[in-house]
Amino acid sequence: MLTSQDVHAVSPTAVERMHRLIRPYMRHTPLLRSKAQSPADVYIKCENLQLTDSFKIRGALSALHGYRRFEPDTWRHITRHGVVTCSSGNFAQGLAHATAELDLAYSVVVPEGIPRAKRDQITRYNPMAQISEVPYATWRQTMTTSRYPELPGFFLASESNPYVALGCATIGLEILEDLPDVDAVLVPYGGGHLAYSITSLLRASGRDIPVYAVEVSTGAPLTASMRAGRPTDVPYEKSFVDGIGASFVLPAQFQRLKDKLAGVFTVTPEEIAGALASLAFTDKIVCEGAGAAAYAAAIKHSGTHGWRRPCAIVSGGVIDPDVLVRILATTASLATPAGQHS
């Protein structure tokens, strides 16, 4: 039995038990050494090869199986009334898959103007999913408060639920298993739950391994908030890097992360495009823009930080094929001769 203290502390015991619980339903993804030229041996944790093409399925599975196994009252409520979440992309897809597998009613709140491809992915994983498009201000409020009373069902918050955190932390557990001498972990920063979960696990495990968040320069509110010492809004410009980048941080997430991270890096869309192309041409790994962000930062900063075996989390592989082709076509001349090392 997991205690509430175990769950909320993201303890190694809780993460290990959750890993055993959800392992039959997801993949232990590969951890590969990149062949690209770098002062360090940069490793990539390939969550782009996870079910639903993103790490988000881990949190969705962890939450649903966690409530079913450890909290019967909440599970009865879920089976009767279904699940509601708020997401603009990969978590919505991961939870769509998980609710379909468990035959649960599912509703998701998304911002107006969500690309048709993302809507289609949600209903591909769960044809019965109910999608509610709302104005961006309403979507932001829902993300911040983890409440949407207009829809029935149990609200499963992608960025604050403790069971979701345990699922995200299983990535850190696998990194420690597969690369025991890892000396830095770089995590793309969207809502921040992945960075929080992995940082918490590493600290609770007694491992002094620095964790760095990585943002895209076209929307880097964590960088601004860390500099100001408080949640700070920033201008946001859309780019092909749509899995991270925003105008705001979630205040509660900022408060619990600000003293745990070793630092925050920003990378430009151009640097991410180069990293994405390098992963494709050199390492034969196809990923989305957010997935390439941590890798771009690892290549860029390995020399100055003296890392020997940093690990960059390639968080997902959900990318529009036309966008991918355009990036590869425009960066091929730079990425093809990518100074491979043996």
C-alpha atoms as a PDB file:
ATOM      1  CA  MET A   1       0.000   0.000   0.000  1.00  0.00           C
ATOM      2  CA  LEU A   2       1.227   3.494  -0.867  1.00  0.00           C
ATOM      3  CA  THR A   3       0.764   6.108   1.830  1.00  0.00           C
ATOM      4  CA  SER A   4      -0.251   9.660   1.027  1.00  0.00           C
ATOM      5  CA  GLN A   5       3.183  10.791   2.218  1.00  0.00           C
ATOM      6  CA  ASP A   6       4.892   8.404  -0.239  1.00  0.00           C
ATOM      7  CA  VAL A   7       2.811   9.649  -3.140  1.00  0.00           C
ATOM      8  CA  HIS A   8       3.166  13.362  -2.474  1.00  0.00           C
ATOM      9  CA  ALA A   9       6.894  13.124  -1.726  1.00  0.00           C
ATOM     10  CA  VAL A  10       7.625  11.241  -4.975  1.00  0.00           C
ATOM     11  CA  SER A  11       9.571   8.757  -2.886  1.00  0.00           C
ATOM     12  CA  PRO A  12      11.718   6.072  -4.538  1.00  0.00           C
ATOM     13  CA  THR A  13       9.497   3.411  -2.961  1.00  0.00           C
ATOM     14  CA  ALA A  14       6.369   4.941  -4.467  1.00  0.00           C
ATOM     15  CA  VAL A  15       7.957   5.429  -7.893  1.00  0.00           C
ATOM     16  CA  GLU A  16       9.306   1.882  -7.991  1.00  0.00           C
ATOM     17  CA  ARG A  17       5.932   0.456  -7.034  1.00  0.00           C
ATOM     18  CA  MET A  18       4.156   2.587  -9.625  1.00  0.00           C
ATOM     19  CA  HIS A  19       6.671   1.523 -12.258  1.00  0.00           C
ATOM     20  CA  ARG A  20       5.834  -2.114 -11.566  1.00  0.00           C
ATOM     21  CA  LEU A  21       2.131  -1.322 -11.701  1.00  0.00           C
ATOM     22  CA  ILE A  22       2.117   0.431 -15.095  1.00  0.00           C
ATOM     23  CA  ARG A  23       4.999  -1.422 -16.781  1.00  0.00           C
ATOM     24  CA  PRO A  24       2.674  -3.898 -18.553  1.00  0.00           C
ATOM     25  CA  TYR A  25       0.861  -1.008 -20.236  1.00  0.00           C
ATOM     26  CA  MET A  26       3.767   1.149 -21.452  1.00  0.00           C
ATOM     27  CA  ARG A  27       7.339   0.898 -22.725  1.00  0.00           C
ATOM     28  CA  HIS A  28      10.679   1.093 -20.963  1.00  0.00           C
ATOM     29  CA  THR A  29      12.054   3.405 -23.638  1.00  0.00           C
ATOM     30  CA  PRO A  30      15.602   3.224 -24.991  1.00  0.00           C
ATOM     31  CA  LEU A  31      18.444   5.315 -23.588  1.00  0.00           C
ATOM     32  CA  LEU A  32      20.901   5.901 -26.433  1.00  0.00           C
ATOM     33  CA  ARG A  33      24.239   7.664 -26.724  1.00  0.00           C
ATOM     34  CA  SER A  34      24.042  10.298 -29.428  1.00  0.00           C
ATOM     35  CA  LYS A  35      26.505  10.018 -32.290  1.00  0.00           C
ATOM     36  CA  ALA A  36      26.654  13.788 -32.792  1.00  0.00           C
ATOM     37  CA  GLN A  37      29.879  15.647 -32.101  1.00  0.00           C
ATOM     38  CA  SER A  38      29.981  16.997 -28.559  1.00  0.00           C
ATOM     39  CA  PRO A  39      32.501  17.476 -25.736  1.00  0.00           C
ATOM     40  CA  ALA A  40      30.465  14.952 -23.709  1.00  0.00           C
ATOM     41  CA  ASP A  41      28.790  11.628 -24.285  1.00  0.00           C
ATOM     42  CA  VAL A  42      25.265  12.990 -24.611  1.00  0.00           C
ATOM     43  CA  TYR A  43      22.555  10.410 -23.969  1.00  0.00           C
ATOM     44  CA  ILE A  44      18.975  10.670 -25.142  1.00  0.00           C
ATOM     45  CA  LYS A  45      15.978   9.168 -23.330  1.00  0.00           C
ATOM     46  CA  CYS A  46      13.650   8.329 -26.209  1.00  0.00           C
ATOM     47  CA  GLU A  47      10.148   9.038 -24.975  1.00  0.00           C
ATOM     48  CA  ASN A  48       9.240   9.772 -28.590  1.00  0.00           C
ATOM     49  CA  LEU A  49       9.094   5.963 -28.864  1.00  0.00           C
ATOM     50  CA  GLN A  50       6.618   5.690 -25.985  1.00  0.00           C
ATOM     51  CA  LEU A  51       2.993   4.682 -26.528  1.00  0.00           C
ATOM     52  CA  THR A  52       1.033   7.681 -27.912  1.00  0.00           C
ATOM     53  CA  ASP A  53       4.465   9.041 -28.956  1.00  0.00           C
ATOM     54  CA  SER A  54       5.037  10.944 -25.709  1.00  0.00           C
ATOM     55  CA  PHE A  55       6.028  10.533 -22.059  1.00  0.00           C
ATOM     56  CA  LYS A  56       2.573  11.794 -21.063  1.00  0.00           C
ATOM     57  CA  ILE A  57       1.060   8.315 -21.190  1.00  0.00           C
ATOM     58  CA  ARG A  58       3.100   7.442 -18.078  1.00  0.00           C
ATOM     59  CA  GLY A  59       1.291  10.000 -15.944  1.00  0.00           C
ATOM     60  CA  ALA A  60      -2.112   9.132 -17.351  1.00  0.00           C
ATOM     61  CA  LEU A  61      -1.634   5.420 -16.667  1.00  0.00           C
ATOM     62  CA  SER A  62      -0.132   6.064 -13.246  1.00  0.00           C
ATOM     63  CA  ALA A  63      -3.086   8.185 -12.156  1.00  0.00           C
ATOM     64  CA  LEU A  64      -5.821   5.843 -13.321  1.00  0.00           C
ATOM     65  CA  HIS A  65      -4.159   2.658 -12.123  1.00  0.00           C
ATOM     66  CA  GLY A  66      -3.099   4.383  -8.910  1.00  0.00           C
ATOM     67  CA  TYR A  67      -6.650   5.387  -8.031  1.00  0.00           C
ATOM     68  CA  ARG A  68      -7.958   1.954  -9.011  1.00  0.00           C
ATOM     69  CA  ARG A  69      -5.385   0.198  -6.828  1.00  0.00           C
ATOM     70  CA  PHE A  70      -5.003   2.488  -3.831  1.00  0.00           C
ATOM     71  CA  GLU A  71      -8.066   4.781  -3.579  1.00  0.00           C
ATOM     72  CA  PRO A  72     -11.286   2.795  -4.128  1.00  0.00           C
ATOM     73  CA  ASP A  73     -13.642   5.668  -3.285  1.00  0.00           C
ATOM     74  CA  THR A  74     -12.092   7.929  -5.906  1.00  0.00           C
ATOM     75  CA  TRP A  75     -12.017   5.061  -8.384  1.00  0.00           C
ATOM     76  CA  ARG A  76     -15.746   4.445  -7.917  1.00  0.00           C
ATOM     77  CA  HIS A  77     -16.372   8.111  -8.639  1.00  0.00           C
ATOM     78  CA  ILE A  78     -14.228   7.877 -11.786  1.00  0.00           C
ATOM     79  CA  THR A  79     -16.024   4.784 -13.082  1.00  0.00           C
ATOM     80  CA  ARG A  80     -19.406   6.428 -12.546  1.00  0.00           C
ATOM     81  CA  HIS A  81     -18.677   9.930 -13.803  1.00  0.00           C
ATOM     82  CA  GLY A  82     -15.593   9.653 -15.979  1.00  0.00           C
ATOM     83  CA  VAL A  83     -12.441  11.760 -16.199  1.00  0.00           C
ATOM     84  CA  VAL A  84     -11.932  15.402 -17.179  1.00  0.00           C
ATOM     85  CA  THR A  85      -8.627  17.067 -17.960  1.00  0.00           C
ATOM     86  CA  CYS A  86      -7.241  20.269 -19.431  1.00  0.00           C
ATOM     87  CA  SER A  87      -4.544  19.985 -22.069  1.00  0.00           C
ATOM     88  CA  SER A  88      -3.502  21.328 -25.435  1.00  0.00           C
ATOM     89  CA  GLY A  89      -1.783  18.252 -26.741  1.00  0.00           C
ATOM     90  CA  ASN A  90       0.144  15.218 -25.576  1.00  0.00           C
ATOM     91  CA  PHE A  91      -1.465  14.657 -22.171  1.00  0.00           C
ATOM     92  CA  ALA A  92      -4.890  14.783 -23.784  1.00  0.00           C
ATOM     93  CA  GLN A  93      -3.773  12.032 -26.156  1.00  0.00           C
ATOM     94  CA  GLY A  94      -2.169   9.930 -23.446  1.00  0.00           C
ATOM     95  CA  LEU A  95      -5.250  10.126 -21.251  1.00  0.00           C
ATOM     96  CA  ALA A  96      -7.453   9.373 -24.257  1.00  0.00           C
ATOM     97  CA  HIS A  97      -5.563   6.110 -24.725  1.00  0.00           C
ATOM     98  CA  ALA A  98      -5.668   5.221 -21.027  1.00  0.00           C
ATOM     99  CA  THR A  99      -9.401   5.938 -20.605  1.00  0.00           C
ATOM    100  CA  ALA A 100     -10.226   3.942 -23.734  1.00  0.00           C
ATOM    101  CA  GLU A 101      -8.267   0.961 -22.413  1.00  0.00           C
ATOM    102  CA  LEU A 102     -10.150   1.137 -19.093  1.00  0.00           C
ATOM    103  CA  ASP A 103     -13.534   1.920 -20.705  1.00  0.00           C
ATOM    104  CA  LEU A 104     -13.963   5.246 -18.919  1.00  0.00           C
ATOM    105  CA  ALA A 105     -15.883   8.319 -20.041  1.00  0.00           C
ATOM    106  CA  TYR A 106     -13.459  11.081 -21.006  1.00  0.00           C
ATOM    107  CA  SER A 107     -13.704  14.841 -21.557  1.00  0.00           C
ATOM    108  CA  VAL A 108     -10.882  17.257 -22.325  1.00  0.00           C
ATOM    109  CA  VAL A 109     -10.804  21.059 -22.242  1.00  0.00           C
ATOM    110  CA  VAL A 110      -8.656  22.545 -25.011  1.00  0.00           C
ATOM    111  CA  PRO A 111      -7.957  26.127 -26.110  1.00  0.00           C
ATOM    112  CA  GLU A 112      -9.798  27.502 -29.113  1.00  0.00           C
ATOM    113  CA  GLY A 113      -7.881  27.107 -32.334  1.00  0.00           C
ATOM    114  CA  ILE A 114      -6.198  23.839 -31.426  1.00  0.00           C
ATOM    115  CA  PRO A 115      -4.814  22.306 -34.649  1.00  0.00           C
ATOM    116  CA  ARG A 116      -7.138  19.838 -36.288  1.00  0.00           C
ATOM    117  CA  ALA A 117      -4.382  17.226 -36.217  1.00  0.00           C
ATOM    118  CA  LYS A 118      -4.313  17.349 -32.393  1.00  0.00           C
ATOM    119  CA  ARG A 119      -8.085  16.955 -32.149  1.00  0.00           C
ATOM    120  CA  ASP A 120      -7.907  14.010 -34.518  1.00  0.00           C
ATOM    121  CA  GLN A 121      -5.194  12.360 -32.432  1.00  0.00           C
ATOM    122  CA  ILE A 122      -7.340  12.584 -29.292  1.00  0.00           C
ATOM    123  CA  THR A 123     -10.317  10.926 -30.973  1.00  0.00           C
ATOM    124  CA  ARG A 124      -8.077   8.377 -32.666  1.00  0.00           C
ATOM    125  CA  TYR A 125      -7.039   7.084 -29.256  1.00  0.00           C
ATOM    126  CA  ASN A 126     -10.544   7.407 -27.805  1.00  0.00           C
ATOM    127  CA  PRO A 127     -13.354   7.846 -30.359  1.00  0.00           C
ATOM    128  CA  MET A 128     -15.810   8.601 -27.525  1.00  0.00           C
ATOM    129  CA  ALA A 129     -13.770  11.515 -26.143  1.00  0.00           C
ATOM    130  CA  GLN A 130     -15.696  14.736 -25.612  1.00  0.00           C
ATOM    131  CA  ILE A 131     -13.609  17.772 -26.618  1.00  0.00           C
ATOM    132  CA  SER A 132     -14.589  21.201 -25.271  1.00  0.00           C
ATOM    133  CA  GLU A 133     -12.918  24.184 -26.943  1.00  0.00           C
ATOM    134  CA  VAL A 134     -12.810  27.276 -24.732  1.00  0.00           C
ATOM    135  CA  PRO A 135     -11.283  30.767 -25.015  1.00  0.00           C
ATOM    136  CA  TYR A 136      -7.597  30.887 -24.128  1.00  0.00           C
ATOM    137  CA  ALA A 137      -8.269  32.865 -20.925  1.00  0.00           C
ATOM    138  CA  THR A 138     -10.681  30.153 -19.737  1.00  0.00           C
ATOM    139  CA  TRP A 139      -8.207  27.418 -20.668  1.00  0.00           C
ATOM    140  CA  ARG A 140      -5.432  29.197 -18.743  1.00  0.00           C
ATOM    141  CA  GLN A 141      -7.664  29.574 -15.685  1.00  0.00           C
ATOM    142  CA  THR A 142      -8.571  25.885 -15.871  1.00  0.00           C
ATOM    143  CA  MET A 143      -4.909  24.903 -16.078  1.00  0.00           C
ATOM    144  CA  THR A 144      -4.075  27.149 -13.119  1.00  0.00           C
ATOM    145  CA  THR A 145      -6.971  26.127 -10.851  1.00  0.00           C
ATOM    146  CA  SER A 146      -7.316  22.465 -11.934  1.00  0.00           C
ATOM    147  CA  ARG A 147     -11.089  22.923 -11.984  1.00  0.00           C
ATOM    148  CA  TYR A 148     -13.754  22.941 -14.685  1.00  0.00           C
ATOM    149  CA  PRO A 149     -17.162  22.595 -12.993  1.00  0.00           C
ATOM    150  CA  GLU A 150     -19.034  22.779 -16.306  1.00  0.00           C
ATOM    151  CA  LEU A 151     -18.127  19.164 -17.037  1.00  0.00           C
ATOM    152  CA  PRO A 152     -18.962  16.185 -14.828  1.00  0.00           C
ATOM    153  CA  GLY A 153     -16.250  13.764 -13.853  1.00  0.00           C
ATOM    154  CA  PHE A 154     -13.059  13.601 -11.834  1.00  0.00           C
ATOM    155  CA  PHE A 155     -10.654  16.385 -12.807  1.00  0.00           C
ATOM    156  CA  LEU A 156      -7.206  14.912 -13.467  1.00  0.00           C
ATOM    157  CA  ALA A 157      -4.654  17.727 -13.449  1.00  0.00           C
ATOM    158  CA  SER A 158      -1.751  17.006 -15.774  1.00  0.00           C
ATOM    159  CA  GLU A 159       0.595  19.402 -13.956  1.00  0.00           C
ATOM    160  CA  SER A 160      -0.184  18.863 -10.269  1.00  0.00           C
ATOM    161  CA  ASN A 161      -1.738  15.442  -9.663  1.00  0.00           C
ATOM    162  CA  PRO A 162       0.573  13.396  -7.385  1.00  0.00           C
ATOM    163  CA  TYR A 163      -0.083  10.117  -9.218  1.00  0.00           C
ATOM    164  CA  VAL A 164       0.778  11.794 -12.514  1.00  0.00           C
ATOM    165  CA  ALA A 165       4.033  12.897 -10.885  1.00  0.00           C
ATOM    166  CA  LEU A 166       4.850   9.295  -9.953  1.00  0.00           C
ATOM    167  CA  GLY A 167       4.328   8.256 -13.563  1.00  0.00           C
ATOM    168  CA  CYS A 168       6.583  11.024 -14.840  1.00  0.00           C
ATOM    169  CA  ALA A 169       9.205  10.085 -12.258  1.00  0.00           C
ATOM    170  CA  THR A 170       9.448   6.567 -13.681  1.00  0.00           C
ATOM    171  CA  ILE A 171      11.513   8.170 -16.461  1.00  0.00           C
ATOM    172  CA  GLY A 172      14.077   9.188 -13.853  1.00  0.00           C
ATOM    173  CA  LEU A 173      14.015   5.689 -12.408  1.00  0.00           C
ATOM    174  CA  GLU A 174      14.810   4.192 -15.810  1.00  0.00           C
ATOM    175  CA  ILE A 175      17.605   6.707 -16.388  1.00  0.00           C
ATOM    176  CA  LEU A 176      19.243   5.688 -13.093  1.00  0.00           C
ATOM    177  CA  GLU A 177      18.908   2.016 -14.037  1.00  0.00           C
ATOM    178  CA  ASP A 178      20.291   2.405 -17.560  1.00  0.00           C
ATOM    179  CA  LEU A 179      22.899   5.133 -16.942  1.00  0.00           C
ATOM    180  CA  PRO A 180      24.007   4.961 -13.284  1.00  0.00           C
ATOM    181  CA  ASP A 181      26.797   7.517 -13.800  1.00  0.00           C
ATOM    182  CA  VAL A 182      24.588  10.178 -15.413  1.00  0.00           C
ATOM    183  CA  ASP A 183      25.835  13.577 -14.241  1.00  0.00           C
ATOM    184  CA  ALA A 184      23.108  15.935 -15.504  1.00  0.00           C
ATOM    185  CA  VAL A 185      19.514  15.626 -16.701  1.00  0.00           C
ATOM    186  CA  LEU A 186      17.972  18.142 -19.090  1.00  0.00           C
ATOM    187  CA  VAL A 187      14.195  18.348 -19.296  1.00  0.00           C
ATOM    188  CA  PRO A 188      11.983  20.340 -21.699  1.00  0.00           C
ATOM    189  CA  TYR A 189       9.823  22.724 -19.681  1.00  0.00           C
ATOM    190  CA  GLY A 190       6.167  23.166 -20.545  1.00  0.00           C
ATOM    191  CA  GLY A 191       3.934  22.944 -17.486  1.00  0.00           C
ATOM    192  CA  GLY A 192       6.836  21.762 -15.353  1.00  0.00           C
ATOM    193  CA  HIS A 193       5.525  18.482 -13.944  1.00  0.00           C
ATOM    194  CA  LEU A 194       8.182  16.397 -15.679  1.00  0.00           C
ATOM    195  CA  ALA A 195      10.983  18.563 -14.269  1.00  0.00           C
ATOM    196  CA  TYR A 196       9.402  18.528 -10.803  1.00  0.00           C
ATOM    197  CA  SER A 197       8.906  14.762 -10.791  1.00  0.00           C
ATOM    198  CA  ILE A 198      12.412  13.854 -11.912  1.00  0.00           C
ATOM    199  CA  THR A 199      14.077  16.406  -9.642  1.00  0.00           C
ATOM    200  CA  SER A 200      12.071  15.150  -6.670  1.00  0.00           C
ATOM    201  CA  LEU A 201      12.937  11.518  -7.355  1.00  0.00           C
ATOM    202  CA  LEU A 202      16.657  12.184  -7.741  1.00  0.00           C
ATOM    203  CA  ARG A 203      16.762  14.186  -4.516  1.00  0.00           C
ATOM    204  CA  ALA A 204      14.781  11.583  -2.599  1.00  0.00           C
ATOM    205  CA  SER A 205      17.147   8.905  -3.916  1.00  0.00           C
ATOM    206  CA  GLY A 206      20.111  10.752  -2.431  1.00  0.00           C
ATOM    207  CA  ARG A 207      21.618  11.394  -5.853  1.00  0.00           C
ATOM    208  CA  ASP A 208      23.280  14.776  -6.343  1.00  0.00           C
ATOM    209  CA  ILE A 209      22.444  14.975 -10.037  1.00  0.00           C
ATOM    210  CA  PRO A 210      21.575  18.448 -11.331  1.00  0.00           C
ATOM    211  CA  VAL A 211      18.362  18.843 -13.319  1.00  0.00           C
ATOM    212  CA  TYR A 212      18.028  21.686 -15.811  1.00  0.00           C
ATOM    213  CA  ALA A 213      14.810  22.939 -17.365  1.00  0.00           C
ATOM    214  CA  VAL A 214      14.912  23.930 -21.030  1.00  0.00           C
ATOM    215  CA  GLU A 215      12.626  26.529 -22.618  1.00  0.00           C
ATOM    216  CA  VAL A 216      12.220  27.892 -26.122  1.00  0.00           C
ATOM    217  CA  SER A 217      13.216  31.537 -26.473  1.00  0.00           C
ATOM    218  CA  THR A 218       9.898  32.482 -28.091  1.00  0.00           C
ATOM    219  CA  GLY A 219       8.085  31.851 -24.806  1.00  0.00           C
ATOM    220  CA  ALA A 220      10.305  31.440 -21.752  1.00  0.00           C
ATOM    221  CA  PRO A 221       8.307  32.420 -18.651  1.00  0.00           C
ATOM    222  CA  LEU A 222      10.280  30.198 -16.267  1.00  0.00           C
ATOM    223  CA  THR A 223      13.494  32.012 -17.138  1.00  0.00           C
ATOM    224  CA  ALA A 224      11.843  35.367 -16.471  1.00  0.00           C
ATOM    225  CA  SER A 225      10.166  34.109 -13.301  1.00  0.00           C
ATOM    226  CA  MET A 226      13.417  32.701 -11.888  1.00  0.00           C
ATOM    227  CA  ARG A 227      15.124  36.007 -12.592  1.00  0.00           C
ATOM    228  CA  ALA A 228      12.315  37.985 -10.917  1.00  0.00           C
ATOM    229  CA  GLY A 229      11.822  35.547  -8.044  1.00  0.00           C
ATOM    230  CA  ARG A 230       8.082  35.348  -8.712  1.00  0.00           C
ATOM    231  CA  PRO A 231       5.716  34.148 -11.470  1.00  0.00           C
ATOM    232  CA  THR A 232       6.138  36.543 -14.382  1.00  0.00           C
ATOM    233  CA  ASP A 233       4.307  36.711 -17.701  1.00  0.00           C
ATOM    234  CA  VAL A 234       6.290  37.153 -20.920  1.00  0.00           C
ATOM    235  CA  PRO A 235       5.473  37.740 -24.581  1.00  0.00           C
ATOM    236  CA  TYR A 236       4.811  34.529 -26.484  1.00  0.00           C
ATOM    237  CA  GLU A 237       5.396  33.929 -30.168  1.00  0.00           C
ATOM    238  CA  LYS A 238       4.146  30.787 -31.869  1.00  0.00           C
ATOM    239  CA  SER A 239       6.661  28.529 -33.573  1.00  0.00           C
ATOM    240  CA  PHE A 240       6.905  24.909 -34.667  1.00  0.00           C
ATOM    241  CA  VAL A 241       7.958  24.173 -31.066  1.00  0.00           C
ATOM    242  CA  ASP A 242       4.413  23.835 -29.754  1.00  0.00           C
ATOM    243  CA  GLY A 243       4.912  21.341 -26.929  1.00  0.00           C
ATOM    244  CA  ILE A 244       6.716  23.922 -24.779  1.00  0.00           C
ATOM    245  CA  GLY A 245       6.684  27.694 -24.726  1.00  0.00           C
ATOM    246  CA  ALA A 246       4.023  29.871 -23.099  1.00  0.00           C
ATOM    247  CA  SER A 247       3.367  33.329 -21.727  1.00  0.00           C
ATOM    248  CA  PHE A 248       3.015  32.213 -18.101  1.00  0.00           C
ATOM    249  CA  VAL A 249       4.123  29.685 -15.502  1.00  0.00           C
ATOM    250  CA  LEU A 250       1.765  27.815 -13.234  1.00  0.00           C
ATOM    251  CA  PRO A 251       2.322  29.612  -9.901  1.00  0.00           C
ATOM    252  CA  ALA A 252       2.166  26.487  -7.731  1.00  0.00           C
ATOM    253  CA  GLN A 253       4.589  24.670 -10.005  1.00  0.00           C
ATOM    254  CA  PHE A 254       7.009  27.576  -9.911  1.00  0.00           C
ATOM    255  CA  GLN A 255       6.962  27.695  -6.113  1.00  0.00           C
ATOM    256  CA  ARG A 256       7.842  24.042  -5.690  1.00  0.00           C
ATOM    257  CA  LEU A 257      10.485  24.015  -8.438  1.00  0.00           C
ATOM    258  CA  LYS A 258      12.340  27.299  -8.038  1.00  0.00           C
ATOM    259  CA  ASP A 259      14.733  26.002  -5.371  1.00  0.00           C
ATOM    260  CA  LYS A 260      15.163  22.509  -6.818  1.00  0.00           C
ATOM    261  CA  LEU A 261      16.365  23.147 -10.356  1.00  0.00           C
ATOM    262  CA  ALA A 262      20.063  23.557 -11.055  1.00  0.00           C
ATOM    263  CA  GLY A 263      19.222  26.116 -13.725  1.00  0.00           C
ATOM    264  CA  VAL A 264      17.180  27.010 -16.795  1.00  0.00           C
ATOM    265  CA  PHE A 265      18.417  27.123 -20.379  1.00  0.00           C
ATOM    266  CA  THR A 266      16.733  28.787 -23.323  1.00  0.00           C
ATOM    267  CA  VAL A 267      17.277  27.650 -26.890  1.00  0.00           C
ATOM    268  CA  THR A 268      16.062  29.303 -30.063  1.00  0.00           C
ATOM    269  CA  PRO A 269      13.729  27.692 -32.612  1.00  0.00           C
ATOM    270  CA  GLU A 270      16.703  27.665 -34.990  1.00  0.00           C
ATOM    271  CA  GLU A 271      18.832  25.740 -32.481  1.00  0.00           C
ATOM    272  CA  ILE A 272      15.983  23.315 -31.889  1.00  0.00           C
ATOM    273  CA  ALA A 273      15.546  22.834 -35.635  1.00  0.00           C
ATOM    274  CA  GLY A 274      19.229  22.002 -35.928  1.00  0.00           C
ATOM    275  CA  ALA A 275      18.984  19.547 -33.036  1.00  0.00           C
ATOM    276  CA  LEU A 276      15.879  17.949 -34.517  1.00  0.00           C
ATOM    277  CA  ALA A 277      17.664  17.476 -37.832  1.00  0.00           C
ATOM    278  CA  SER A 278      20.769  16.120 -36.129  1.00  0.00           C
ATOM    279  CA  LEU A 279      18.684  13.572 -34.240  1.00  0.00           C
ATOM    280  CA  ALA A 280      17.012  12.530 -37.484  1.00  0.00           C
ATOM    281  CA  PHE A 281      20.082  12.345 -39.739  1.00  0.00           C
ATOM    282  CA  THR A 282      22.740  11.288 -37.227  1.00  0.00           C
ATOM    283  CA  ASP A 283      20.860   9.240 -34.644  1.00  0.00           C
ATOM    284  CA  LYS A 284      17.878   8.172 -36.792  1.00  0.00           C
ATOM    285  CA  ILE A 285      15.481   9.546 -34.171  1.00  0.00           C
ATOM    286  CA  VAL A 286      12.397  11.495 -35.245  1.00  0.00           C
ATOM    287  CA  CYS A 287      10.876  13.773 -32.625  1.00  0.00           C
ATOM    288  CA  GLU A 288       8.856  16.943 -32.142  1.00  0.00           C
ATOM    289  CA  GLY A 289      10.280  20.387 -31.481  1.00  0.00           C
ATOM    290  CA  ALA A 290       9.823  20.187 -27.715  1.00  0.00           C
ATOM    291  CA  GLY A 291      11.465  16.792 -27.779  1.00  0.00           C
ATOM    292  CA  ALA A 292      14.602  18.197 -29.390  1.00  0.00           C
ATOM    293  CA  ALA A 293      14.886  21.193 -27.042  1.00  0.00           C
ATOM    294  CA  ALA A 294      16.692  19.445 -24.175  1.00  0.00           C
ATOM    295  CA  TYR A 295      19.032  17.754 -26.634  1.00  0.00           C
ATOM    296  CA  ALA A 296      19.852  21.126 -28.214  1.00  0.00           C
ATOM    297  CA  ALA A 297      20.729  22.518 -24.781  1.00  0.00           C
ATOM    298  CA  ALA A 298      22.825  19.458 -23.902  1.00  0.00           C
ATOM    299  CA  ILE A 299      24.922  19.792 -27.055  1.00  0.00           C
ATOM    300  CA  LYS A 300      25.230  23.557 -26.580  1.00  0.00           C
ATOM    301  CA  HIS A 301      26.232  23.584 -22.899  1.00  0.00           C
ATOM    302  CA  SER A 302      28.118  20.318 -22.305  1.00  0.00           C
ATOM    303  CA  GLY A 303      31.521  21.904 -22.779  1.00  0.00           C
ATOM    304  CA  THR A 304      31.010  24.897 -20.514  1.00  0.00           C
ATOM    305  CA  HIS A 305      29.449  22.848 -17.710  1.00  0.00           C
ATOM    306  CA  GLY A 306      31.930  19.999 -17.827  1.00  0.00           C
ATOM    307  CA  TRP A 307      29.338  17.235 -18.051  1.00  0.00           C
ATOM    308  CA  ARG A 308      30.611  13.811 -19.055  1.00  0.00           C
ATOM    309  CA  ARG A 309      27.358  11.873 -19.434  1.00  0.00           C
ATOM    310  CA  PRO A 310      24.379  14.210 -19.532  1.00  0.00           C
ATOM    311  CA  CYS A 311      20.967  12.845 -20.424  1.00  0.00           C
ATOM    312  CA  ALA A 312      18.500  14.843 -22.507  1.00  0.00           C
ATOM    313  CA  ILE A 313      14.881  13.745 -22.396  1.00  0.00           C
ATOM    314  CA  VAL A 314      13.376  13.552 -25.876  1.00  0.00           C
ATOM    315  CA  SER A 315       9.875  14.021 -24.553  1.00  0.00           C
ATOM    316  CA  GLY A 316       7.765  13.265 -27.610  1.00  0.00           C
ATOM    317  CA  GLY A 317       7.500  12.612 -31.305  1.00  0.00           C
ATOM    318  CA  VAL A 318       4.191  14.253 -32.229  1.00  0.00           C
ATOM    319  CA  ILE A 319       5.040  16.518 -35.162  1.00  0.00           C
ATOM    320  CA  ASP A 320       3.198  17.541 -38.306  1.00  0.00           C
ATOM    321  CA  PRO A 321       4.814  15.698 -41.256  1.00  0.00           C
ATOM    322  CA  ASP A 322       4.876  18.858 -43.383  1.00  0.00           C
ATOM    323  CA  VAL A 323       6.683  20.738 -40.607  1.00  0.00           C
ATOM    324  CA  LEU A 324       9.188  17.922 -40.225  1.00  0.00           C
ATOM    325  CA  VAL A 325       9.912  17.773 -43.953  1.00  0.00           C
ATOM    326  CA  ARG A 326      10.419  21.540 -44.119  1.00  0.00           C
ATOM    327  CA  ILE A 327      12.828  21.521 -41.167  1.00  0.00           C
ATOM    328  CA  LEU A 328      14.829  18.598 -42.521  1.00  0.00           C
ATOM    329  CA  ALA A 329      15.012  20.168 -45.971  1.00  0.00           C
ATOM    330  CA  THR A 330      16.269  23.510 -44.667  1.00  0.00           C
ATOM    331  CA  THR A 331      18.775  22.052 -42.203  1.00  0.00           C
ATOM    332  CA  ALA A 332      20.034  19.006 -44.117  1.00  0.00           C
ATOM    333  CA  SER A 333      23.236  20.675 -45.287  1.00  0.00           C
ATOM    334  CA  LEU A 334      24.159  21.442 -41.680  1.00  0.00           C
ATOM    335  CA  ALA A 335      22.999  18.220 -40.049  1.00  0.00           C
ATOM    336  CA  THR A 336      24.203  15.575 -42.510  1.00  0.00           C
ATOM    337  CA  PRO A 337      27.949  15.860 -41.803  1.00  0.00           C
ATOM    338  CA  ALA A 338      27.272  16.115 -38.052  1.00  0.00           C
ATOM    339  CA  GLY A 339      30.810  15.226 -36.928  1.00  0.00           C
ATOM    340  CA  GLN A 340      29.998  11.738 -35.688  1.00  0.00           C
ATOM    341  CA  HIS A 341      32.146  10.097 -33.067  1.00  0.00           C
ATOM    342  CA  SER A 342      32.579   6.409 -32.422  1.00  0.00           C
END
